Amino acid sequence: MSLRAKCAIAGLGQTRMGKNFDHPGPIGFAAEAVNLALDDAGLQRADLDGLLVNPGITWLNNPMASSSLQHAMGLGDLRLTATMNLGGGTAAAMIMHAAQAIDAGMAEVVACVFADAPLRAPSPNKGGDGGGSAAFYGFAQGLDAHYGLFGVNAHYAFVAQRHMYRYGTSNDHLGAVAVSERKWANLNPAAQFHDTPMSMADYHASRWVVEPFHLYDCCLVSNGGLAVIVTSAERAKNLKRPPVYILGMGQGHPGRDPLDTLVSGAPIAKETAFKMAGIKLTDVNFCELYDCYTFTVLVTLEDYGFCKKGEGGPFVASGAIGPGGSLPVNTGGGQLSSFYMWGMTPVGEAIVQIRGDGGRRQAPKHEVGLVSGNGGILATHSTLVLGSQP
């Protein structure tokens, strides 16, 4: 039996993002985000009977993160809780788990939250900020590491180089993604780069991280938290804000070397999600895609079928994904120019768009939005189709 539109997102809570040092670690951000989401929905803590947590890198070694947050917030008598981690695919996967549990009668109101605090306040002894997923995953082992291939930046760069070799993708194509998302961020008051325009010349002038990635090819590092409240569609109708209906959902985990395939799990996840939602690609009004790198946007657009494999570069260079383009993508600035909350960044912006709360960055058509999350090196994928109508 289909879960189409049986559940909805009723609340969105987002803390201040970026160099934000006034919280007691990630649990503080998580608690604030959940409280904001409850208030947004017009609900109380006592209404919650489910809590799903995706811990960021600064509390990733806490296998009981959901229990820790429950105790920190004083939440009693929960019927559903879990700590989940599929990397950037987790946010949408948490929402799927919540919807399935609600439909099965295992819970009624579930909070899904991501929070992290990898940035440290500047210190006279330690210098400036530190951390980020690249630092966390910057392990150096074996022959590959001896030749410089270590950490998530280098592994993604290797796949991007392969795409360039095979299809003629260029840094101008990658730069088109970065510049487009910065234009969106300049329209978003909550974006970390709200006040900083970027030209293609600025992109090329930014320092190399690992070829072919410049600094502006790589996502931001942010302290903050973002939470959503999932409940039944029927209950959501009577709450404070308009329901954002979960029309379709799916996951895709290819289990193959992306260097060989240059394909993510998006085609698998799309098939399940689009079938459930009963939509075609042409029904999608806007996309919020996981963008740990500019290259990830390009390859994801190909894998969903918005352009043919190998044609992502010319597609983004055409201006299609920017403000005024035919397919608005990452309308808040994404993780490249707004803030990095793993898969919660695209989820949060999709909710803003479908509600019509985007202000200057509002997509003209926003009835159906596509949300994607990606984890590992194109290893995990999650898809949500969200809509304003059931």
Protein backbone atom coordinates (compact mmCIF):
# COMPACT_ATOMS: atom_id res chain seq x y z
CA MET A 1 0.00 0.00 0.00
CA SER A 2 1.41 3.40 -1.00
CA LEU A 3 2.44 5.98 1.59
CA ARG A 4 1.77 8.82 -0.86
CA ALA A 5 0.67 11.96 1.03
CA LYS A 6 -0.26 10.00 4.16
CA CYS A 7 2.22 12.07 6.16
CA ALA A 8 3.42 15.65 6.05
CA ILE A 9 6.11 17.92 7.43
CA ALA A 10 4.37 20.26 9.85
CA GLY A 11 7.24 22.18 11.43
CA LEU A 12 10.68 23.55 10.50
CA GLY A 13 13.27 24.75 13.00
CA GLN A 14 16.58 26.30 11.99
CA THR A 15 19.17 27.88 14.27
CA ARG A 16 21.60 30.58 13.24
CA MET A 17 24.28 29.04 11.03
CA GLY A 18 28.01 29.46 10.51
CA LYS A 19 30.55 30.80 13.00
CA ASN A 20 28.11 30.38 15.84
CA PHE A 21 29.90 29.71 19.14
CA ASP A 22 27.21 30.50 21.74
CA HIS A 23 25.83 26.97 22.24
CA PRO A 24 27.03 24.11 24.47
CA GLY A 25 28.00 21.85 21.59
CA PRO A 26 25.84 20.02 19.06
CA ILE A 27 23.22 18.88 21.58
CA GLY A 28 22.51 22.53 22.35
CA PHE A 29 21.96 23.26 18.67
CA ALA A 30 19.81 20.14 18.28
CA ALA A 31 17.58 21.07 21.21
CA GLU A 32 17.09 24.61 19.93
CA ALA A 33 16.23 23.34 16.44
CA VAL A 34 13.62 20.89 17.78
CA ASN A 35 12.06 23.60 19.96
CA LEU A 36 11.90 25.97 16.99
CA ALA A 37 10.30 23.28 14.83
CA LEU A 38 7.68 22.53 17.49
CA ASP A 39 6.85 26.22 17.79
CA ASP A 40 6.63 26.52 14.00
CA ALA A 41 4.08 23.68 13.98
CA GLY A 42 2.16 25.00 16.99
CA LEU A 43 3.00 21.93 19.07
CA GLN A 44 4.44 21.33 22.54
CA ARG A 45 7.23 19.02 23.71
CA ALA A 46 4.58 16.79 25.25
CA ASP A 47 3.15 16.17 21.77
CA LEU A 48 6.38 14.48 20.63
CA ASP A 49 6.48 10.69 20.80
CA GLY A 50 9.29 10.15 18.32
CA LEU A 51 12.85 11.47 18.00
CA LEU A 52 15.29 10.62 15.20
CA VAL A 53 18.79 12.08 15.30
CA ASN A 54 21.53 12.36 12.68
CA PRO A 55 24.64 13.34 14.67
CA GLY A 56 27.22 15.51 12.98
CA ILE A 57 30.93 14.82 13.09
CA THR A 58 31.41 16.36 16.55
CA TRP A 59 29.18 13.76 18.23
CA LEU A 60 29.36 11.02 15.62
CA ASN A 61 31.10 8.74 18.13
CA ASN A 62 28.02 8.83 20.37
CA PRO A 63 25.96 5.77 19.35
CA MET A 64 23.22 6.90 21.74
CA ALA A 65 22.90 10.44 20.40
CA SER A 66 19.10 10.27 20.26
CA SER A 67 18.96 9.11 23.89
CA SER A 68 21.36 11.89 24.92
CA LEU A 69 19.18 14.50 23.23
CA GLN A 70 16.02 13.02 24.77
CA HIS A 71 17.48 13.35 28.26
CA ALA A 72 18.88 16.81 27.57
CA MET A 73 15.42 18.01 26.47
CA GLY A 74 13.51 16.16 29.18
CA LEU A 75 11.38 14.26 26.67
CA GLY A 76 9.44 11.45 28.32
CA ASP A 77 7.56 8.40 27.11
CA LEU A 78 8.82 8.32 23.53
CA ARG A 79 7.54 5.46 21.37
CA LEU A 80 10.19 5.83 18.66
CA THR A 81 13.83 6.87 18.75
CA ALA A 82 16.99 6.11 16.81
CA THR A 83 20.40 7.47 15.92
CA MET A 84 20.81 7.25 12.14
CA ASN A 85 23.73 7.82 9.79
CA LEU A 86 23.80 7.47 6.01
CA GLY A 87 26.01 10.52 5.65
CA GLY A 88 24.26 13.19 3.60
CA GLY A 89 21.49 10.74 2.77
CA THR A 90 20.35 10.57 6.39
CA ALA A 91 17.97 13.54 6.56
CA ALA A 92 15.55 12.21 3.96
CA ALA A 93 15.98 8.68 5.35
CA MET A 94 14.93 9.91 8.81
CA ILE A 95 11.81 11.46 7.30
CA MET A 96 11.06 8.18 5.52
CA HIS A 97 11.47 6.24 8.77
CA ALA A 98 9.21 8.70 10.58
CA ALA A 99 6.50 8.44 7.90
CA GLN A 100 6.61 4.64 7.93
CA ALA A 101 6.37 4.55 11.73
CA ILE A 102 3.46 6.99 11.79
CA ASP A 103 1.59 5.03 9.12
CA ALA A 104 2.18 1.82 11.11
CA GLY A 105 0.77 3.37 14.28
CA MET A 106 4.12 3.31 16.08
CA ALA A 107 4.26 7.08 16.62
CA GLU A 108 2.20 10.20 15.95
CA VAL A 109 4.57 13.19 16.04
CA VAL A 110 8.25 12.64 15.20
CA ALA A 111 11.09 15.15 15.28
CA CYS A 112 13.98 14.56 12.85
CA VAL A 113 17.08 16.60 13.63
CA PHE A 114 20.66 17.18 12.52
CA ALA A 115 23.13 19.32 14.45
CA ASP A 116 26.86 19.88 14.46
CA ALA A 117 29.49 22.20 15.93
CA PRO A 118 32.82 21.52 14.16
CA LEU A 119 33.95 25.17 14.18
CA ARG A 120 35.87 26.40 17.20
CA ALA A 121 36.01 29.96 18.44
CA PRO A 122 39.28 31.70 17.53
CA SER A 123 41.96 31.16 20.15
CA PRO A 124 45.26 33.01 20.64
CA ASN A 125 46.97 29.66 21.17
CA LYS A 126 45.28 27.56 18.50
CA GLY A 127 44.69 30.05 15.72
CA GLY A 128 41.40 30.24 13.83
CA ASP A 129 38.53 27.93 13.06
CA GLY A 130 39.04 24.22 12.60
CA GLY A 131 37.20 21.07 11.80
CA GLY A 132 34.78 20.06 9.10
CA SER A 133 34.02 16.73 7.52
CA ALA A 134 37.17 16.88 5.39
CA ALA A 135 39.27 17.13 8.55
CA PHE A 136 37.32 14.36 10.25
CA TYR A 137 37.66 12.00 7.30
CA GLY A 138 41.23 13.05 6.56
CA PHE A 139 42.66 9.67 7.36
CA ALA A 140 45.97 8.82 5.69
CA GLN A 141 46.68 5.15 5.23
CA GLY A 142 48.38 2.97 2.66
CA LEU A 143 49.88 3.57 -0.76
CA ASP A 144 47.07 5.86 -1.96
CA ALA A 145 47.66 8.22 0.94
CA HIS A 146 51.40 8.20 0.27
CA TYR A 147 50.68 9.71 -3.14
CA GLY A 148 48.20 12.24 -1.75
CA LEU A 149 44.89 10.42 -2.23
CA PHE A 150 43.31 10.68 1.20
CA GLY A 151 40.29 12.41 2.68
CA VAL A 152 36.89 12.98 1.14
CA ASN A 153 38.04 15.99 -0.95
CA ALA A 154 40.60 13.93 -2.82
CA HIS A 155 38.28 10.97 -3.39
CA TYR A 156 35.57 13.18 -4.91
CA ALA A 157 38.20 15.00 -6.94
CA PHE A 158 39.34 11.68 -8.39
CA VAL A 159 35.78 10.92 -9.58
CA ALA A 160 35.37 14.45 -10.95
CA GLN A 161 38.64 14.11 -12.91
CA ARG A 162 37.31 10.92 -14.45
CA HIS A 163 34.12 12.71 -15.52
CA MET A 164 36.23 15.47 -17.07
CA TYR A 165 38.35 12.96 -18.95
CA ARG A 166 35.40 11.01 -20.27
CA TYR A 167 32.95 13.81 -21.10
CA GLY A 168 34.98 16.99 -21.46
CA THR A 169 33.60 18.58 -18.30
CA SER A 170 35.61 21.69 -17.38
CA ASN A 171 36.26 23.93 -14.40
CA ASP A 172 34.04 26.50 -16.09
CA HIS A 173 31.21 23.98 -15.79
CA LEU A 174 31.93 23.40 -12.10
CA GLY A 175 32.24 27.14 -11.62
CA ALA A 176 28.81 27.66 -13.17
CA VAL A 177 27.32 25.67 -10.28
CA ALA A 178 29.23 27.69 -7.68
CA VAL A 179 28.28 31.04 -9.23
CA SER A 180 24.64 30.03 -9.64
CA GLU A 181 24.30 28.96 -6.01
CA ARG A 182 26.00 32.15 -4.82
CA LYS A 183 23.39 34.17 -6.74
CA TRP A 184 20.68 32.29 -4.86
CA ALA A 185 22.51 32.83 -1.54
CA ASN A 186 22.65 36.57 -2.21
CA LEU A 187 18.82 36.48 -2.11
CA ASN A 188 18.72 34.52 1.18
CA PRO A 189 19.20 36.56 4.39
CA ALA A 190 20.03 33.38 6.35
CA ALA A 191 22.89 32.36 4.05
CA GLN A 192 26.46 32.56 5.28
CA PHE A 193 27.43 34.23 1.97
CA HIS A 194 24.35 36.45 1.76
CA ASP A 195 26.42 39.64 1.39
CA THR A 196 29.20 38.29 -0.83
CA PRO A 197 28.68 38.10 -4.61
CA MET A 198 30.82 35.80 -6.73
CA SER A 199 31.84 36.06 -10.38
CA MET A 200 33.39 33.35 -12.51
CA ALA A 201 36.69 35.23 -12.16
CA ASP A 202 36.34 35.04 -8.37
CA TYR A 203 35.74 31.30 -8.65
CA HIS A 204 38.88 30.73 -10.73
CA ALA A 205 40.94 32.97 -8.43
CA SER A 206 40.07 30.95 -5.33
CA ARG A 207 42.83 28.66 -4.10
CA TRP A 208 43.10 25.03 -5.10
CA VAL A 209 41.98 22.46 -2.55
CA VAL A 210 42.71 19.37 -4.65
CA GLU A 211 42.45 19.51 -8.43
CA PRO A 212 40.00 19.96 -10.03
CA PHE A 213 38.41 21.55 -6.95
CA HIS A 214 38.93 25.16 -6.03
CA LEU A 215 37.86 26.44 -2.63
CA TYR A 216 34.45 27.43 -4.01
CA ASP A 217 33.85 23.92 -5.34
CA CYS A 218 33.67 22.68 -1.74
CA CYS A 219 30.84 23.03 0.76
CA LEU A 220 30.90 25.27 3.80
CA VAL A 221 31.52 24.25 7.40
CA SER A 222 28.76 25.37 9.77
CA ASN A 223 27.80 25.28 13.42
CA GLY A 224 24.05 24.92 13.86
CA GLY A 225 21.02 22.67 13.92
CA LEU A 226 17.99 21.99 11.73
CA ALA A 227 14.90 19.97 12.62
CA VAL A 228 11.58 19.04 11.07
CA ILE A 229 8.36 17.69 12.59
CA VAL A 230 6.65 14.82 10.75
CA THR A 231 3.07 13.79 11.50
CA SER A 232 0.03 12.39 9.72
CA ALA A 233 -1.40 14.47 6.88
CA GLU A 234 -4.72 14.60 8.69
CA ARG A 235 -3.21 16.05 11.85
CA ALA A 236 -0.99 18.43 9.91
CA LYS A 237 -4.04 20.09 8.32
CA ASN A 238 -5.07 21.49 11.70
CA LEU A 239 -1.70 22.82 12.78
CA LYS A 240 -0.11 26.26 12.60
CA ARG A 241 1.57 26.15 9.19
CA PRO A 242 0.49 24.70 5.81
CA PRO A 243 1.38 21.00 5.49
CA VAL A 244 4.26 20.01 3.24
CA TYR A 245 3.07 16.65 1.96
CA ILE A 246 5.45 13.72 1.54
CA LEU A 247 4.34 12.52 -1.88
CA GLY A 248 7.14 10.06 -2.60
CA MET A 249 10.31 8.68 -1.06
CA GLY A 250 13.05 6.23 -1.96
CA GLN A 251 16.64 5.21 -1.36
CA GLY A 252 19.43 3.99 -3.64
CA HIS A 253 22.69 2.36 -2.61
CA PRO A 254 24.54 1.11 -5.72
CA GLY A 255 27.44 -0.64 -3.98
CA ARG A 256 29.76 -0.02 -6.94
CA ASP A 257 32.92 2.02 -7.40
CA PRO A 258 31.78 5.49 -8.58
CA LEU A 259 35.09 5.89 -10.39
CA ASP A 260 34.00 3.11 -12.75
CA THR A 261 30.34 4.11 -13.14
CA LEU A 262 30.21 7.89 -12.54
CA VAL A 263 26.68 7.20 -11.31
CA SER A 264 25.20 7.85 -7.87
CA GLY A 265 22.29 6.05 -6.22
CA ALA A 266 19.85 8.66 -7.60
CA PRO A 267 18.41 6.48 -10.43
CA ILE A 268 17.45 3.75 -7.94
CA ALA A 269 16.00 6.18 -5.39
CA LYS A 270 14.18 8.15 -8.09
CA GLU A 271 12.41 5.08 -9.43
CA THR A 272 10.86 4.29 -6.05
CA ALA A 273 10.05 7.89 -5.10
CA PHE A 274 8.57 8.96 -8.43
CA LYS A 275 6.43 5.83 -8.69
CA MET A 276 5.02 6.47 -5.21
CA ALA A 277 4.41 10.15 -5.97
CA GLY A 278 2.88 9.39 -9.37
CA ILE A 279 4.93 12.08 -11.11
CA LYS A 280 7.20 12.52 -14.11
CA LEU A 281 10.39 14.56 -14.25
CA THR A 282 8.51 17.37 -16.02
CA ASP A 283 6.25 17.73 -12.96
CA VAL A 284 9.15 18.88 -10.78
CA ASN A 285 9.13 22.67 -10.23
CA PHE A 286 12.41 23.01 -8.37
CA CYS A 287 15.26 20.87 -6.97
CA GLU A 288 17.15 20.96 -3.70
CA LEU A 289 20.16 18.72 -4.34
CA TYR A 290 22.91 17.62 -1.99
CA ASP A 291 25.95 19.69 -2.94
CA CYS A 292 28.99 18.74 -0.94
CA TYR A 293 30.83 19.73 -4.14
CA THR A 294 29.88 21.49 -7.35
CA PHE A 295 30.51 18.21 -9.14
CA THR A 296 27.88 16.46 -7.01
CA VAL A 297 25.19 18.80 -8.36
CA LEU A 298 26.27 18.18 -11.92
CA VAL A 299 26.31 14.39 -11.67
CA THR A 300 23.03 14.30 -9.71
CA LEU A 301 21.23 16.32 -12.39
CA GLU A 302 22.44 13.76 -14.92
CA ASP A 303 21.39 10.81 -12.78
CA TYR A 304 17.85 12.12 -12.28
CA GLY A 305 17.56 12.59 -16.03
CA PHE A 306 17.36 16.38 -16.33
CA CYS A 307 20.13 16.01 -18.91
CA LYS A 308 21.95 13.06 -20.45
CA LYS A 309 24.99 11.50 -18.80
CA GLY A 310 28.00 13.62 -19.65
CA GLU A 311 25.91 16.70 -20.52
CA GLY A 312 25.64 18.11 -17.01
CA GLY A 313 28.38 20.66 -17.66
CA PRO A 314 26.70 22.41 -20.59
CA PHE A 315 23.34 22.17 -18.81
CA VAL A 316 24.49 24.10 -15.74
CA ALA A 317 26.54 26.52 -17.87
CA SER A 318 23.36 27.45 -19.77
CA GLY A 319 22.01 29.24 -16.70
CA ALA A 320 19.16 26.76 -16.29
CA ILE A 321 19.69 26.22 -12.55
CA GLY A 322 20.14 29.82 -11.41
CA PRO A 323 17.66 32.60 -10.61
CA GLY A 324 15.39 33.05 -13.62
CA GLY A 325 16.43 29.67 -15.06
CA SER A 326 14.14 26.91 -16.26
CA LEU A 327 15.00 24.58 -13.33
CA PRO A 328 15.67 26.38 -10.04
CA VAL A 329 18.28 24.37 -8.11
CA ASN A 330 19.40 24.95 -4.51
CA THR A 331 17.39 28.12 -4.19
CA GLY A 332 18.75 29.08 -0.77
CA GLY A 333 22.37 28.88 -1.88
CA GLY A 334 22.83 25.24 -0.97
CA GLN A 335 25.68 23.90 1.09
CA LEU A 336 28.17 25.70 -1.11
CA SER A 337 26.99 29.22 -0.24
CA SER A 338 24.26 29.08 2.42
CA PHE A 339 25.14 26.59 5.19
CA TYR A 340 26.15 22.96 5.63
CA MET A 341 23.73 20.83 7.64
CA TRP A 342 24.35 17.64 5.67
CA GLY A 343 21.09 16.47 4.04
CA MET A 344 18.97 18.80 6.16
CA THR A 345 20.06 21.82 4.09
CA PRO A 346 18.10 20.73 0.99
CA VAL A 347 15.17 19.48 3.11
CA GLY A 348 14.83 22.80 4.93
CA GLU A 349 14.95 24.90 1.77
CA ALA A 350 12.37 22.70 0.04
CA ILE A 351 9.95 23.33 2.92
CA VAL A 352 10.54 27.08 2.63
CA GLN A 353 9.85 26.96 -1.11
CA ILE A 354 6.70 24.83 -0.96
CA ARG A 355 5.24 27.04 1.75
CA GLY A 356 5.94 30.10 -0.42
CA ASP A 357 8.19 31.64 2.24
CA GLY A 358 11.20 32.21 -0.02
CA GLY A 359 10.88 35.98 -0.38
CA ARG A 360 13.25 37.29 -3.06
CA ARG A 361 14.45 33.76 -3.80
CA GLN A 362 10.99 32.22 -4.15
CA ALA A 363 10.66 29.90 -7.16
CA PRO A 364 7.73 31.01 -9.34
CA LYS A 365 6.30 27.50 -9.41
CA HIS A 366 6.63 25.58 -6.16
CA GLU A 367 3.91 22.96 -5.97
CA VAL A 368 6.28 19.98 -6.37
CA GLY A 369 9.86 19.89 -5.14
CA LEU A 370 12.57 17.26 -5.51
CA VAL A 371 14.95 16.75 -2.57
CA SER A 372 18.05 14.57 -2.73
CA GLY A 373 20.63 13.49 -0.20
CA ASN A 374 23.97 11.85 -0.94
CA GLY A 375 26.39 10.10 1.39
CA GLY A 376 29.90 8.73 1.09
CA ILE A 377 31.54 8.94 -2.33
CA LEU A 378 28.24 8.69 -4.27
CA ALA A 379 27.59 5.60 -2.12
CA THR A 380 24.19 6.29 -0.55
CA HIS A 381 21.25 8.26 -1.88
CA SER A 382 17.83 9.32 -0.64
CA THR A 383 15.01 11.04 -2.53
CA LEU A 384 11.93 12.90 -1.34
CA VAL A 385 9.16 14.31 -3.49
CA LEU A 386 7.43 17.03 -1.49
CA GLY A 387 4.27 18.88 -2.47
CA SER A 388 1.89 21.63 -1.42
CA GLN A 389 -1.19 19.51 -2.22
CA PRO A 390 -2.01 15.89 -1.32
